[in-house]
Amino acid sequence: MELTEAHLQRIQDSLPVERGNVSMEVLNFLNAVLYVMENGCKWRRLPERFGKWRTI
């Protein structure tokens, strides 16, 4: 399962406000978490489509 922009819009108000100087795509992060949970892989074994595992 992957979340879409429509899913993100529905939960956006429940997410914390970004702070600090770190910028990330929330949708990409949530989809990476879902991928790890569904596939049981290690965080560092995320597919490249999510970006570098250290910056997700």
Protein backbone atom coordinates (compact mmCIF):
# COMPACT_ATOMS: atom_id res chain seq x y z
CA MET A 1 0.00 0.00 0.00
CA GLU A 2 1.20 3.48 -0.79
CA LEU A 3 -0.35 6.71 0.34
CA THR A 4 -1.31 9.29 -2.25
CA GLU A 5 -1.56 13.07 -2.10
CA ALA A 6 -5.29 12.65 -1.45
CA HIS A 7 -4.55 10.48 1.60
CA LEU A 8 -2.01 13.00 2.84
CA GLN A 9 -4.48 15.87 2.56
CA ARG A 10 -6.92 13.98 4.77
CA ILE A 11 -4.38 13.52 7.59
CA GLN A 12 -2.28 16.70 7.12
CA ASP A 13 -3.90 18.51 10.06
CA SER A 14 -3.00 15.63 12.40
CA LEU A 15 0.71 15.75 11.58
CA PRO A 16 3.16 17.83 13.62
CA VAL A 17 4.49 21.08 12.18
CA GLU A 18 7.97 20.84 10.65
CA ARG A 19 10.66 22.39 12.79
CA GLY A 20 14.38 22.91 12.55
CA ASN A 21 16.32 23.05 9.32
CA VAL A 22 15.45 19.54 8.15
CA SER A 23 13.14 19.37 5.19
CA MET A 24 11.57 16.12 4.06
CA GLU A 25 8.67 15.01 2.01
CA VAL A 26 6.14 13.71 4.50
CA LEU A 27 4.45 11.51 1.92
CA ASN A 28 7.76 9.86 1.00
CA PHE A 29 8.58 9.25 4.67
CA LEU A 30 5.18 7.72 5.44
CA ASN A 31 5.40 5.47 2.39
CA ALA A 32 8.88 4.34 3.48
CA VAL A 33 7.54 3.46 6.94
CA LEU A 34 4.67 1.52 5.38
CA TYR A 35 7.11 -0.33 3.12
CA VAL A 36 9.26 -1.41 6.08
CA MET A 37 6.20 -2.52 8.04
CA GLU A 38 4.69 -4.46 5.13
CA ASN A 39 7.90 -6.11 3.94
CA GLY A 40 9.74 -6.58 7.21
CA CYS A 41 12.97 -5.22 5.79
CA LYS A 42 15.64 -3.26 7.63
CA TRP A 43 15.48 0.52 7.29
CA ARG A 44 18.85 0.54 5.51
CA ARG A 45 17.47 -1.91 2.91
CA LEU A 46 14.81 0.49 1.62
CA PRO A 47 14.54 0.60 -2.18
CA GLU A 48 16.25 3.58 -3.80
CA ARG A 49 12.90 5.08 -4.84
CA PHE A 50 12.54 6.35 -1.25
CA GLY A 51 15.91 8.09 -1.29
CA LYS A 52 18.92 7.52 0.93
CA TRP A 53 17.94 5.59 4.05
CA ARG A 54 19.93 7.94 6.30
CA THR A 55 17.96 10.99 5.16
CA ILE A 56 14.44 9.57 5.11
